[in-house]
PDB file of N, CA and C in Angstrom:
ATOM      1  N   UNK A   1     181.241 215.928-109.644  1.00  0.00           N
ATOM      2  CA  UNK A   1     181.425 217.052-108.761  1.00  0.00           C
ATOM      3  C   UNK A   1     182.905 217.358-108.602  1.00  0.00           C
ATOM      4  N   UNK A   2     183.750 216.332-108.561  1.00  0.00           N
ATOM      5  CA  UNK A   2     185.171 216.558-108.397  1.00  0.00           C
ATOM      6  C   UNK A   2     185.739 217.368-109.560  1.00  0.00           C
ATOM      7  N   UNK A   3     185.262 217.080-110.789  1.00  0.00           N
ATOM      8  CA  UNK A   3     185.758 217.825-111.946  1.00  0.00           C
ATOM      9  C   UNK A   3     185.383 219.298-111.846  1.00  0.00           C
ATOM     10  N   UNK A   4     184.152 219.581-111.455  1.00  0.00           N
ATOM     11  CA  UNK A   4     183.706 220.973-111.309  1.00  0.00           C
ATOM     12  C   UNK A   4     184.542 221.671-110.255  1.00  0.00           C
ATOM     13  N   UNK A   5     184.754 220.997-109.147  1.00  0.00           N
ATOM     14  CA  UNK A   5     185.523 221.590-108.056  1.00  0.00           C
ATOM     15  C   UNK A   5     186.965 221.824-108.467  1.00  0.00           C
ATOM     16  N   UNK A   6     187.577 220.871-109.162  1.00  0.00           N
ATOM     17  CA  UNK A   6     188.964 221.034-109.591  1.00  0.00           C
ATOM     18  C   UNK A   6     189.106 222.174-110.587  1.00  0.00           C
ATOM     19  N   UNK A   7     188.174 222.290-111.514  1.00  0.00           N
ATOM     20  CA  UNK A   7     188.209 223.392-112.480  1.00  0.00           C
ATOM     21  C   UNK A   7     188.056 224.723-111.763  1.00  0.00           C
ATOM     22  N   UNK A   8     187.093 224.787-110.861  1.00  0.00           N
ATOM     23  CA  UNK A   8     186.853 226.035-110.136  1.00  0.00           C
ATOM     24  C   UNK A   8     188.055 226.416-109.273  1.00  0.00           C
ATOM     25  N   UNK A   9     188.635 225.448-108.590  1.00  0.00           N
ATOM     26  CA  UNK A   9     189.802 225.742-107.759  1.00  0.00           C
ATOM     27  C   UNK A   9     190.987 226.122-108.635  1.00  0.00           C
ATOM     28  N   UNK A  10     191.101 225.522-109.806  1.00  0.00           N
ATOM     29  CA  UNK A  10     192.161 225.891-110.742  1.00  0.00           C
ATOM     30  C   UNK A  10     192.026 227.336-111.172  1.00  0.00           C
ATOM     31  N   UNK A  11     190.792 227.774-111.378  1.00  0.00           N
ATOM     32  CA  UNK A  11     190.562 229.179-111.714  1.00  0.00           C
ATOM     33  C   UNK A  11     191.003 230.077-110.572  1.00  0.00           C
ATOM     34  N   UNK A  12     190.782 229.643-109.363  1.00  0.00           N
ATOM     35  CA  UNK A  12     191.213 230.413-108.198  1.00  0.00           C
ATOM     36  C   UNK A  12     192.720 230.537-108.147  1.00  0.00           C
ATOM     37  N   UNK A  13     193.421 229.458-108.469  1.00  0.00           N
ATOM     38  CA  UNK A  13     194.882 229.500-108.457  1.00  0.00           C
ATOM     39  C   UNK A  13     195.414 230.383-109.569  1.00  0.00           C
ATOM     40  N   UNK A  14     194.790 230.348-110.734  1.00  0.00           N
ATOM     41  CA  UNK A  14     195.197 231.209-111.829  1.00  0.00           C
ATOM     42  C   UNK A  14     195.054 232.668-111.431  1.00  0.00           C
ATOM     43  N   UNK A  15     193.974 233.005-110.751  1.00  0.00           N
ATOM     44  CA  UNK A  15     193.768 234.373-110.293  1.00  0.00           C
ATOM     45  C   UNK A  15     194.847 234.809-109.330  1.00  0.00           C
ATOM     46  N   UNK A  16     195.350 233.892-108.515  1.00  0.00           N
ATOM     47  CA  UNK A  16     196.392 234.215-107.549  1.00  0.00           C
ATOM     48  C   UNK A  16     197.659 234.652-108.258  1.00  0.00           C
ATOM     49  N   UNK A  17     198.012 233.971-109.318  1.00  0.00           N
ATOM     50  CA  UNK A  17     199.204 234.309-110.064  1.00  0.00           C
ATOM     51  C   UNK A  17     199.021 235.625-110.806  1.00  0.00           C
ATOM     52  N   UNK A  18     197.830 235.859-111.321  1.00  0.00           N
ATOM     53  CA  UNK A  18     197.608 237.008-112.183  1.00  0.00           C
ATOM     54  C   UNK A  18     197.395 238.324-111.450  1.00  0.00           C
ATOM     55  N   UNK A  19     196.483 238.383-110.496  1.00  0.00           N
ATOM     56  CA  UNK A  19     196.057 239.678-109.984  1.00  0.00           C
ATOM     57  C   UNK A  19     196.123 239.866-108.475  1.00  0.00           C
ATOM     58  N   UNK A  20     196.684 238.979-107.734  1.00  0.00           N
ATOM     59  CA  UNK A  20     196.815 239.211-106.315  1.00  0.00           C
ATOM     60  C   UNK A  20     195.730 238.569-105.489  1.00  0.00           C
ATOM     61  N   UNK A  21     195.801 238.873-104.190  1.00  0.00           N
ATOM     62  CA  UNK A  21     194.978 238.135-103.236  1.00  0.00           C
ATOM     63  C   UNK A  21     193.498 238.463-103.271  1.00  0.00           C
ATOM     64  N   UNK A  22     193.095 239.711-103.548  1.00  0.00           N
ATOM     65  CA  UNK A  22     191.659 240.011-103.513  1.00  0.00           C
ATOM     66  C   UNK A  22     190.917 239.296-104.639  1.00  0.00           C
ATOM     67  N   UNK A  23     191.503 239.254-105.811  1.00  0.00           N
ATOM     68  CA  UNK A  23     190.864 238.522-106.908  1.00  0.00           C
ATOM     69  C   UNK A  23     190.906 237.028-106.626  1.00  0.00           C
ATOM     70  N   UNK A  24     191.983 236.562-106.029  1.00  0.00           N
ATOM     71  CA  UNK A  24     192.085 235.151-105.670  1.00  0.00           C
ATOM     72  C   UNK A  24     190.986 234.779-104.691  1.00  0.00           C
ATOM     73  N   UNK A  25     190.760 235.644-103.719  1.00  0.00           N
ATOM     74  CA  UNK A  25     189.717 235.371-102.734  1.00  0.00           C
ATOM     75  C   UNK A  25     188.353 235.327-103.404  1.00  0.00           C
ATOM     76  N   UNK A  26     188.089 236.254-104.330  1.00  0.00           N
ATOM     77  CA  UNK A  26     186.808 236.258-105.039  1.00  0.00           C
ATOM     78  C   UNK A  26     186.647 235.000-105.876  1.00  0.00           C
ATOM     79  N   UNK A  27     187.705 234.609-106.580  1.00  0.00           N
ATOM     80  CA  UNK A  27     187.640 233.399-107.388  1.00  0.00           C
ATOM     81  C   UNK A  27     187.509 232.161-106.499  1.00  0.00           C
ATOM     82  N   UNK A  28     188.207 232.195-105.378  1.00  0.00           N
ATOM     83  CA  UNK A  28     188.095 231.079-104.437  1.00  0.00           C
ATOM     84  C   UNK A  28     186.680 230.937-103.917  1.00  0.00           C
ATOM     85  N   UNK A  29     186.057 232.063-103.591  1.00  0.00           N
ATOM     86  CA  UNK A  29     184.670 232.033-103.118  1.00  0.00           C
ATOM     87  C   UNK A  29     183.741 231.557-104.226  1.00  0.00           C
ATOM     88  N   UNK A  30     184.004 231.971-105.458  1.00  0.00           N
ATOM     89  CA  UNK A  30     183.198 231.489-106.583  1.00  0.00           C
ATOM     90  C   UNK A  30     183.336 229.979-106.729  1.00  0.00           C
ATOM     91  N   UNK A  31     184.563 229.494-106.576  1.00  0.00           N
ATOM     92  CA  UNK A  31     184.804 228.053-106.662  1.00  0.00           C
ATOM     93  C   UNK A  31     184.055 227.319-105.562  1.00  0.00           C
ATOM     94  N   UNK A  32     184.074 227.876-104.366  1.00  0.00           N
ATOM     95  CA  UNK A  32     183.360 227.262-103.253  1.00  0.00           C
ATOM     96  C   UNK A  32     181.867 227.256-103.543  1.00  0.00           C
ATOM     97  N   UNK A  33     181.336 228.355-104.061  1.00  0.00           N
ATOM     98  CA  UNK A  33     179.901 228.417-104.370  1.00  0.00           C
ATOM     99  C   UNK A  33     179.510 227.362-105.397  1.00  0.00           C
ATOM    100  N   UNK A  34     180.331 227.173-106.418  1.00  0.00           N
ATOM    101  CA  UNK A  34     180.041 226.168-107.445  1.00  0.00           C
ATOM    102  C   UNK A  34     180.031 224.767-106.824  1.00  0.00           C
ATOM    103  N   UNK A  35     181.050 224.472-106.036  1.00  0.00           N
ATOM    104  CA  UNK A  35     181.149 223.156-105.410  1.00  0.00           C
ATOM    105  C   UNK A  35     180.024 222.946-104.400  1.00  0.00           C
ATOM    106  N   UNK A  36     179.694 223.980-103.648  1.00  0.00           N
ATOM    107  CA  UNK A  36     178.622 223.899-102.661  1.00  0.00           C
ATOM    108  C   UNK A  36     177.288 223.654-103.355  1.00  0.00           C
ATOM    109  N   UNK A  37     177.040 224.326-104.462  1.00  0.00           N
ATOM    110  CA  UNK A  37     175.794 224.129-105.198  1.00  0.00           C
ATOM    111  C   UNK A  37     175.673 222.681-105.672  1.00  0.00           C
ATOM    112  N   UNK A  38     176.759 222.139-106.204  1.00  0.00           N
ATOM    113  CA  UNK A  38     176.736 220.745-106.660  1.00  0.00           C
ATOM    114  C   UNK A  38     176.493 219.794-105.483  1.00  0.00           C
ATOM    115  N   UNK A  39     177.173 220.032-104.369  1.00  0.00           N
ATOM    116  CA  UNK A  39     177.011 219.188-103.178  1.00  0.00           C
ATOM    117  C   UNK A  39     175.597 219.316-102.614  1.00  0.00           C
ATOM    118  N   UNK A  40     175.059 220.527-102.604  1.00  0.00           N
ATOM    119  CA  UNK A  40     173.706 220.748-102.110  1.00  0.00           C
ATOM    120  C   UNK A  40     172.687 219.967-102.939  1.00  0.00           C
ATOM    121  N   UNK A  41     172.793 220.060-104.254  1.00  0.00           N
ATOM    122  CA  UNK A  41     171.870 219.332-105.119  1.00  0.00           C
ATOM    123  C   UNK A  41     171.953 217.829-104.861  1.00  0.00           C
ATOM    124  N   UNK A  42     173.164 217.330-104.703  1.00  0.00           N
ATOM    125  CA  UNK A  42     173.340 215.910-104.419  1.00  0.00           C
ATOM    126  C   UNK A  42     172.697 215.541-103.083  1.00  0.00           C
ATOM    127  N   UNK A  43     173.023 216.298-102.039  1.00  0.00           N
ATOM    128  CA  UNK A  43     172.498 216.005-100.701  1.00  0.00           C
ATOM    129  C   UNK A  43     170.974 216.110-100.664  1.00  0.00           C
ATOM    130  N   UNK A  44     170.443 217.113-101.329  1.00  0.00           N
ATOM    131  CA  UNK A  44     168.992 217.291-101.358  1.00  0.00           C
ATOM    132  C   UNK A  44     168.321 216.094-102.032  1.00  0.00           C
ATOM    133  N   UNK A  45     168.868 215.662-103.156  1.00  0.00           N
ATOM    134  CA  UNK A  45     168.291 214.515-103.860  1.00  0.00           C
ATOM    135  C   UNK A  45     168.406 213.216-103.080  1.00  0.00           C
ATOM    136  N   UNK A  46     169.382 213.116-102.192  1.00  0.00           N
ATOM    137  CA  UNK A  46     169.561 211.919-101.375  1.00  0.00           C
ATOM    138  C   UNK A  46     168.693 211.943-100.115  1.00  0.00           C
ATOM    139  N   UNK A  47     168.172 213.101 -99.768  1.00  0.00           N
ATOM    140  CA  UNK A  47     167.393 213.258 -98.547  1.00  0.00           C
ATOM    141  C   UNK A  47     166.038 212.558 -98.664  1.00  0.00           C
ATOM    142  N   UNK A  48     165.747 211.716 -97.682  1.00  0.00           N
ATOM    143  CA  UNK A  48     164.454 211.013 -97.709  1.00  0.00           C
ATOM    144  C   UNK A  48     163.296 211.997 -97.542  1.00  0.00           C
ATOM    145  N   UNK A  49     163.501 213.046 -96.759  1.00  0.00           N
ATOM    146  CA  UNK A  49     162.451 214.062 -96.585  1.00  0.00           C
ATOM    147  C   UNK A  49     162.163 214.753 -97.918  1.00  0.00           C
ATOM    148  N   UNK A  50     163.216 215.085 -98.664  1.00  0.00           N
ATOM    149  CA  UNK A  50     163.030 215.731 -99.960  1.00  0.00           C
ATOM    150  C   UNK A  50     162.361 214.767-100.939  1.00  0.00           C
ATOM    151  N   UNK A  51     162.777 213.525-100.950  1.00  0.00           N
ATOM    152  CA  UNK A  51     162.196 212.543-101.855  1.00  0.00           C
ATOM    153  C   UNK A  51     160.702 212.372-101.588  1.00  0.00           C
ATOM    154  N   UNK A  52     160.325 212.356-100.329  1.00  0.00           N
ATOM    155  CA  UNK A  52     158.913 212.218 -99.969  1.00  0.00           C
ATOM    156  C   UNK A  52     158.127 213.459-100.368  1.00  0.00           C
ATOM    157  N   UNK A  53     158.637 214.623-100.000  1.00  0.00           N
ATOM    158  CA  UNK A  53     157.937 215.874-100.299  1.00  0.00           C
ATOM    159  C   UNK A  53     157.841 216.122-101.796  1.00  0.00           C
ATOM    160  N   UNK A  54     158.890 215.795-102.521  1.00  0.00           N
ATOM    161  CA  UNK A  54     158.900 216.107-103.957  1.00  0.00           C
ATOM    162  C   UNK A  54     157.979 215.201-104.770  1.00  0.00           C
ATOM    163  N   UNK A  55     157.551 214.086-104.204  1.00  0.00           N
ATOM    164  CA  UNK A  55     156.611 213.209-104.915  1.00  0.00           C
ATOM    165  C   UNK A  55     155.274 213.899-105.154  1.00  0.00           C
ATOM    166  N   UNK A  56     154.949 214.847-104.306  1.00  0.00           N
ATOM    167  CA  UNK A  56     153.684 215.555-104.423  1.00  0.00           C
ATOM    168  C   UNK A  56     153.782 216.806-105.298  1.00  0.00           C
ATOM    169  N   UNK A  57     154.966 217.059-105.857  1.00  0.00           N
ATOM    170  CA  UNK A  57     155.186 218.283-106.650  1.00  0.00           C
ATOM    171  C   UNK A  57     155.347 217.946-108.124  1.00  0.00           C
ATOM    172  N   UNK A  58     155.060 218.946-108.938  1.00  0.00           N
ATOM    173  CA  UNK A  58     155.368 218.801-110.358  1.00  0.00           C
ATOM    174  C   UNK A  58     156.885 218.885-110.525  1.00  0.00           C
ATOM    175  N   UNK A  59     157.376 218.418-111.642  1.00  0.00           N
ATOM    176  CA  UNK A  59     158.814 218.480-111.934  1.00  0.00           C
ATOM    177  C   UNK A  59     159.298 219.930-111.923  1.00  0.00           C
ATOM    178  N   UNK A  60     158.488 220.827-112.465  1.00  0.00           N
ATOM    179  CA  UNK A  60     158.854 222.247-112.497  1.00  0.00           C
ATOM    180  C   UNK A  60     158.955 222.824-111.081  1.00  0.00           C
ATOM    181  N   UNK A  61     158.008 222.473-110.229  1.00  0.00           N
ATOM    182  CA  UNK A  61     158.019 222.958-108.841  1.00  0.00           C
ATOM    183  C   UNK A  61     159.229 222.393-108.089  1.00  0.00           C
ATOM    184  N   UNK A  62     159.517 221.109-108.303  1.00  0.00           N
ATOM    185  CA  UNK A  62     160.693 220.499-107.676  1.00  0.00           C
ATOM    186  C   UNK A  62     161.967 221.254-108.059  1.00  0.00           C
ATOM    187  N   UNK A  63     162.118 221.511-109.350  1.00  0.00           N
ATOM    188  CA  UNK A  63     163.318 222.181-109.849  1.00  0.00           C
ATOM    189  C   UNK A  63     163.431 223.602-109.299  1.00  0.00           C
ATOM    190  N   UNK A  64     162.302 224.301-109.256  1.00  0.00           N
ATOM    191  CA  UNK A  64     162.300 225.674-108.733  1.00  0.00           C
ATOM    192  C   UNK A  64     162.713 225.696-107.269  1.00  0.00           C
ATOM    193  N   UNK A  65     162.118 224.821-106.465  1.00  0.00           N
ATOM    194  CA  UNK A  65     162.462 224.767-105.049  1.00  0.00           C
ATOM    195  C   UNK A  65     163.911 224.341-104.834  1.00  0.00           C
ATOM    196  N   UNK A  66     164.353 223.360-105.591  1.00  0.00           N
ATOM    197  CA  UNK A  66     165.731 222.895-105.468  1.00  0.00           C
ATOM    198  C   UNK A  66     166.707 224.014-105.843  1.00  0.00           C
ATOM    199  N   UNK A  67     166.414 224.737-106.907  1.00  0.00           N
ATOM    200  CA  UNK A  67     167.262 225.869-107.301  1.00  0.00           C
ATOM    201  C   UNK A  67     167.282 226.949-106.223  1.00  0.00           C
ATOM    202  N   UNK A  68     166.117 227.223-105.641  1.00  0.00           N
ATOM    203  CA  UNK A  68     166.041 228.247-104.592  1.00  0.00           C
ATOM    204  C   UNK A  68     166.789 227.819-103.328  1.00  0.00           C
ATOM    205  N   UNK A  69     166.613 226.566-102.935  1.00  0.00           N
ATOM    206  CA  UNK A  69     167.293 226.069-101.736  1.00  0.00           C
ATOM    207  C   UNK A  69     168.806 226.071-101.946  1.00  0.00           C
ATOM    208  N   UNK A  70     169.260 225.491-103.029  1.00  0.00           N
ATOM    209  CA  UNK A  70     170.703 225.388-103.255  1.00  0.00           C
ATOM    210  C   UNK A  70     171.316 226.742-103.613  1.00  0.00           C
ATOM    211  N   UNK A  71     170.538 227.633-104.196  1.00  0.00           N
ATOM    212  CA  UNK A  71     171.022 228.994-104.409  1.00  0.00           C
ATOM    213  C   UNK A  71     171.253 229.696-103.086  1.00  0.00           C
ATOM    214  N   UNK A  72     170.343 229.510-102.163  1.00  0.00           N
ATOM    215  CA  UNK A  72     170.472 230.062-100.817  1.00  0.00           C
ATOM    216  C   UNK A  72     171.700 229.470-100.128  1.00  0.00           C
ATOM    217  N   UNK A  73     171.861 228.167-100.218  1.00  0.00           N
ATOM    218  CA  UNK A  73     173.014 227.500 -99.602  1.00  0.00           C
ATOM    219  C   UNK A  73     174.306 228.039-100.203  1.00  0.00           C
ATOM    220  N   UNK A  74     174.346 228.189-101.510  1.00  0.00           N
ATOM    221  CA  UNK A  74     175.548 228.711-102.180  1.00  0.00           C
ATOM    222  C   UNK A  74     175.871 230.133-101.735  1.00  0.00           C
ATOM    223  N   UNK A  75     174.831 230.927-101.523  1.00  0.00           N
ATOM    224  CA  UNK A  75     175.043 232.307-101.073  1.00  0.00           C
ATOM    225  C   UNK A  75     175.517 232.372 -99.629  1.00  0.00           C
ATOM    226  N   UNK A  76     174.983 231.508 -98.777  1.00  0.00           N
ATOM    227  CA  UNK A  76     175.319 231.547 -97.353  1.00  0.00           C
ATOM    228  C   UNK A  76     176.592 230.767 -97.013  1.00  0.00           C
ATOM    229  N   UNK A  77     176.927 229.781 -97.787  1.00  0.00           N
ATOM    230  CA  UNK A  77     178.047 228.903 -97.471  1.00  0.00           C
ATOM    231  C   UNK A  77     179.387 229.617 -97.321  1.00  0.00           C
ATOM    232  N   UNK A  78     179.728 230.556 -98.195  1.00  0.00           N
ATOM    233  CA  UNK A  78     181.033 231.214 -98.028  1.00  0.00           C
ATOM    234  C   UNK A  78     181.187 231.921 -96.683  1.00  0.00           C
ATOM    235  N   UNK A  79     180.091 232.270 -96.049  1.00  0.00           N
ATOM    236  CA  UNK A  79     180.158 232.897 -94.733  1.00  0.00           C
ATOM    237  C   UNK A  79     180.659 231.913 -93.677  1.00  0.00           C
ATOM    238  N   UNK A  80     180.572 230.625 -93.973  1.00  0.00           N
ATOM    239  CA  UNK A  80     181.009 229.615 -93.012  1.00  0.00           C
ATOM    240  C   UNK A  80     182.387 229.051 -93.360  1.00  0.00           C
ATOM    241  N   UNK A  81     183.068 229.667 -94.323  1.00  0.00           N
ATOM    242  CA  UNK A  81     184.393 229.221 -94.745  1.00  0.00           C
ATOM    243  C   UNK A  81     185.388 230.345 -94.491  1.00  0.00           C
ATOM    244  N   UNK A  82     186.447 230.039 -93.762  1.00  0.00           N
ATOM    245  CA  UNK A  82     187.450 231.065 -93.501  1.00  0.00           C
ATOM    246  C   UNK A  82     188.385 231.202 -94.695  1.00  0.00           C
ATOM    247  N   UNK A  83     189.029 232.337 -94.790  1.00  0.00           N
ATOM    248  CA  UNK A  83     189.998 232.570 -95.864  1.00  0.00           C
ATOM    249  C   UNK A  83     191.146 231.568 -95.781  1.00  0.00           C
ATOM    250  N   UNK A  84     191.537 231.217 -94.580  1.00  0.00           N
ATOM    251  CA  UNK A  84     192.620 230.242 -94.393  1.00  0.00           C
ATOM    252  C   UNK A  84     192.189 228.870 -94.909  1.00  0.00           C
ATOM    253  N   UNK A  85     190.974 228.455 -94.548  1.00  0.00           N
ATOM    254  CA  UNK A  85     190.473 227.173 -95.042  1.00  0.00           C
ATOM    255  C   UNK A  85     190.378 227.173 -96.560  1.00  0.00           C
ATOM    256  N   UNK A  86     189.930 228.274 -97.109  1.00  0.00           N
ATOM    257  CA  UNK A  86     189.807 228.387 -98.557  1.00  0.00           C
ATOM    258  C   UNK A  86     191.165 228.267 -99.230  1.00  0.00           C
ATOM    259  N   UNK A  87     192.159 228.973 -98.712  1.00  0.00           N
ATOM    260  CA  UNK A  87     193.506 228.916 -99.287  1.00  0.00           C
ATOM    261  C   UNK A  87     194.091 227.512 -99.178  1.00  0.00           C
ATOM    262  N   UNK A  88     193.922 226.893 -98.026  1.00  0.00           N
ATOM    263  CA  UNK A  88     194.445 225.539 -97.842  1.00  0.00           C
ATOM    264  C   UNK A  88     193.704 224.527 -98.707  1.00  0.00           C
ATOM    265  N   UNK A  89     192.420 224.734 -98.895  1.00  0.00           N
ATOM    266  CA  UNK A  89     191.607 223.821 -99.704  1.00  0.00           C
ATOM    267  C   UNK A  89     192.033 223.837-101.168  1.00  0.00           C
ATOM    268  N   UNK A  90     192.629 224.932-101.611  1.00  0.00           N
ATOM    269  CA  UNK A  90     193.093 225.012-102.995  1.00  0.00           C
ATOM    270  C   UNK A  90     194.181 223.986-103.273  1.00  0.00           C
ATOM    271  N   UNK A  91     194.911 223.595-102.233  1.00  0.00           N
ATOM    272  CA  UNK A  91     196.027 222.675-102.411  1.00  0.00           C
ATOM    273  C   UNK A  91     195.785 221.282-101.833  1.00  0.00           C
ATOM    274  N   UNK A  92     194.746 221.134-101.043  1.00  0.00           N
ATOM    275  CA  UNK A  92     194.489 219.867-100.359  1.00  0.00           C
ATOM    276  C   UNK A  92     193.096 219.356-100.703  1.00  0.00           C
ATOM    277  N   UNK A  93     193.011 218.343-101.574  1.00  0.00           N
ATOM    278  CA  UNK A  93     191.696 217.834-101.987  1.00  0.00           C
ATOM    279  C   UNK A  93     190.852 217.314-100.828  1.00  0.00           C
ATOM    280  N   UNK A  94     191.481 216.729 -99.827  1.00  0.00           N
ATOM    281  CA  UNK A  94     190.715 216.228 -98.678  1.00  0.00           C
ATOM    282  C   UNK A  94     190.101 217.375 -97.891  1.00  0.00           C
ATOM    283  N   UNK A  95     190.870 218.432 -97.703  1.00  0.00           N
ATOM    284  CA  UNK A  95     190.352 219.605 -97.002  1.00  0.00           C
ATOM    285  C   UNK A  95     189.264 220.277 -97.836  1.00  0.00           C
ATOM    286  N   UNK A  96     189.436 220.314 -99.139  1.00  0.00           N
ATOM    287  CA  UNK A  96     188.449 220.914-100.035  1.00  0.00           C
ATOM    288  C   UNK A  96     187.101 220.228 -99.874  1.00  0.00           C
ATOM    289  N   UNK A  97     187.121 218.915 -99.868  1.00  0.00           N
ATOM    290  CA  UNK A  97     185.888 218.149 -99.700  1.00  0.00           C
ATOM    291  C   UNK A  97     185.260 218.443 -98.342  1.00  0.00           C
ATOM    292  N   UNK A  98     186.097 218.528 -97.320  1.00  0.00           N
ATOM    293  CA  UNK A  98     185.609 218.799 -95.969  1.00  0.00           C
ATOM    294  C   UNK A  98     185.019 220.197 -95.853  1.00  0.00           C
ATOM    295  N   UNK A  99     185.682 221.189 -96.453  1.00  0.00           N
ATOM    296  CA  UNK A  99     185.197 222.574 -96.404  1.00  0.00           C
ATOM    297  C   UNK A  99     183.831 222.680 -97.071  1.00  0.00           C
ATOM    298  N   UNK A 100     183.685 222.073 -98.230  1.00  0.00           N
ATOM    299  CA  UNK A 100     182.410 222.115 -98.954  1.00  0.00           C
ATOM    300  C   UNK A 100     181.320 221.395 -98.160  1.00  0.00           C
ATOM    301  N   UNK A 101     181.629 220.222 -97.639  1.00  0.00           N
ATOM    302  CA  UNK A 101     180.638 219.462 -96.864  1.00  0.00           C
ATOM    303  C   UNK A 101     180.198 220.233 -95.623  1.00  0.00           C
ATOM    304  N   UNK A 102     181.160 220.849 -94.939  1.00  0.00           N
ATOM    305  CA  UNK A 102     180.835 221.635 -93.748  1.00  0.00           C
ATOM    306  C   UNK A 102     179.951 222.817 -94.106  1.00  0.00           C
ATOM    307  N   UNK A 103     180.285 223.498 -95.181  1.00  0.00           N
ATOM    308  CA  UNK A 103     179.493 224.651 -95.607  1.00  0.00           C
ATOM    309  C   UNK A 103     178.056 224.250 -95.919  1.00  0.00           C
ATOM    310  N   UNK A 104     177.873 223.141 -96.605  1.00  0.00           N
ATOM    311  CA  UNK A 104     176.522 222.666 -96.933  1.00  0.00           C
ATOM    312  C   UNK A 104     175.783 222.251 -95.667  1.00  0.00           C
ATOM    313  N   UNK A 105     176.453 221.499 -94.807  1.00  0.00           N
ATOM    314  CA  UNK A 105     175.817 221.039 -93.569  1.00  0.00           C
ATOM    315  C   UNK A 105     175.340 222.203 -92.707  1.00  0.00           C
ATOM    316  N   UNK A 106     176.128 223.273 -92.664  1.00  0.00           N
ATOM    317  CA  UNK A 106     175.793 224.408 -91.808  1.00  0.00           C
ATOM    318  C   UNK A 106     174.644 225.250 -92.354  1.00  0.00           C
ATOM    319  N   UNK A 107     174.348 225.132 -93.640  1.00  0.00           N
ATOM    320  CA  UNK A 107     173.378 226.050 -94.229  1.00  0.00           C
ATOM    321  C   UNK A 107     172.133 225.410 -94.842  1.00  0.00           C
ATOM    322  N   UNK A 108     172.161 224.135 -95.164  1.00  0.00           N
ATOM    323  CA  UNK A 108     171.049 223.546 -95.920  1.00  0.00           C
ATOM    324  C   UNK A 108     169.736 223.556 -95.137  1.00  0.00           C
ATOM    325  N   UNK A 109     169.766 223.248 -93.856  1.00  0.00           N
ATOM    326  CA  UNK A 109     168.524 223.236 -93.069  1.00  0.00           C
ATOM    327  C   UNK A 109     167.926 224.633 -92.972  1.00  0.00           C
ATOM    328  N   UNK A 110     168.786 225.614 -92.735  1.00  0.00           N
ATOM    329  CA  UNK A 110     168.335 227.003 -92.649  1.00  0.00           C
ATOM    330  C   UNK A 110     167.693 227.442 -93.963  1.00  0.00           C
ATOM    331  N   UNK A 111     168.316 227.089 -95.069  1.00  0.00           N
ATOM    332  CA  UNK A 111     167.792 227.492 -96.372  1.00  0.00           C
ATOM    333  C   UNK A 111     166.498 226.763 -96.713  1.00  0.00           C
ATOM    334  N   UNK A 112     166.399 225.501 -96.342  1.00  0.00           N
ATOM    335  CA  UNK A 112     165.148 224.762 -96.593  1.00  0.00           C
ATOM    336  C   UNK A 112     164.011 225.426 -95.835  1.00  0.00           C
ATOM    337  N   UNK A 113     164.271 225.817 -94.601  1.00  0.00           N
ATOM    338  CA  UNK A 113     163.247 226.483 -93.795  1.00  0.00           C
ATOM    339  C   UNK A 113     162.839 227.799 -94.425  1.00  0.00           C
ATOM    340  N   UNK A 114     163.821 228.606 -94.874  1.00  0.00           N
ATOM    341  CA  UNK A 114     163.524 229.899 -95.480  1.00  0.00           C
ATOM    342  C   UNK A 114     162.717 229.743 -96.771  1.00  0.00           C
ATOM    343  N   UNK A 115     163.126 228.810 -97.618  1.00  0.00           N
ATOM    344  CA  UNK A 115     162.476 228.652 -98.932  1.00  0.00           C
ATOM    345  C   UNK A 115     161.089 228.044 -98.801  1.00  0.00           C
ATOM    346  N   UNK A 116     160.913 227.119 -97.883  1.00  0.00           N
ATOM    347  CA  UNK A 116     159.639 226.404 -97.774  1.00  0.00           C
ATOM    348  C   UNK A 116     158.613 227.094 -96.895  1.00  0.00           C
ATOM    349  N   UNK A 117     158.921 228.287 -96.386  1.00  0.00           N
ATOM    350  CA  UNK A 117     157.949 229.037 -95.573  1.00  0.00           C
ATOM    351  C   UNK A 117     156.743 229.416 -96.373  1.00  0.00           C
TER     352      UNK A 117
END
C-alpha cells in the first residue's frame, strides 16, 4: 500500500510543478482515492464481521460487494479530507497515513450499510 500511495502522491507533486493548483488538487484527490481504496480493501478483509458474512458468499459475490463497498468509500472519502490536509500529506508520510485512515474510518460503515441494503 505504501508503494501505491507514494506513486500516487508523486503524481500529485508532478502535477503541481506542471499545471498549477487545480490539477494538483485533482491529482491529489486521485492519489487519496487510490490509497483509500487499498486501505478499505485491507480493513474490510481484516473485519471479523466481513469474514463471517463472506463465508456464506461465492467468491464472485464477495468480490462484487467488496468492490462496491470500497468504491463507495473511495468516492466519499475525499469529502472528508481538506485541501490543507491533502497538501500537507504530500510531504509528510505520517500525516498521509493518518489522512487515509481517517477518510476510511469516516466512510466505511456508511458505505457498507448502503451497499448491503
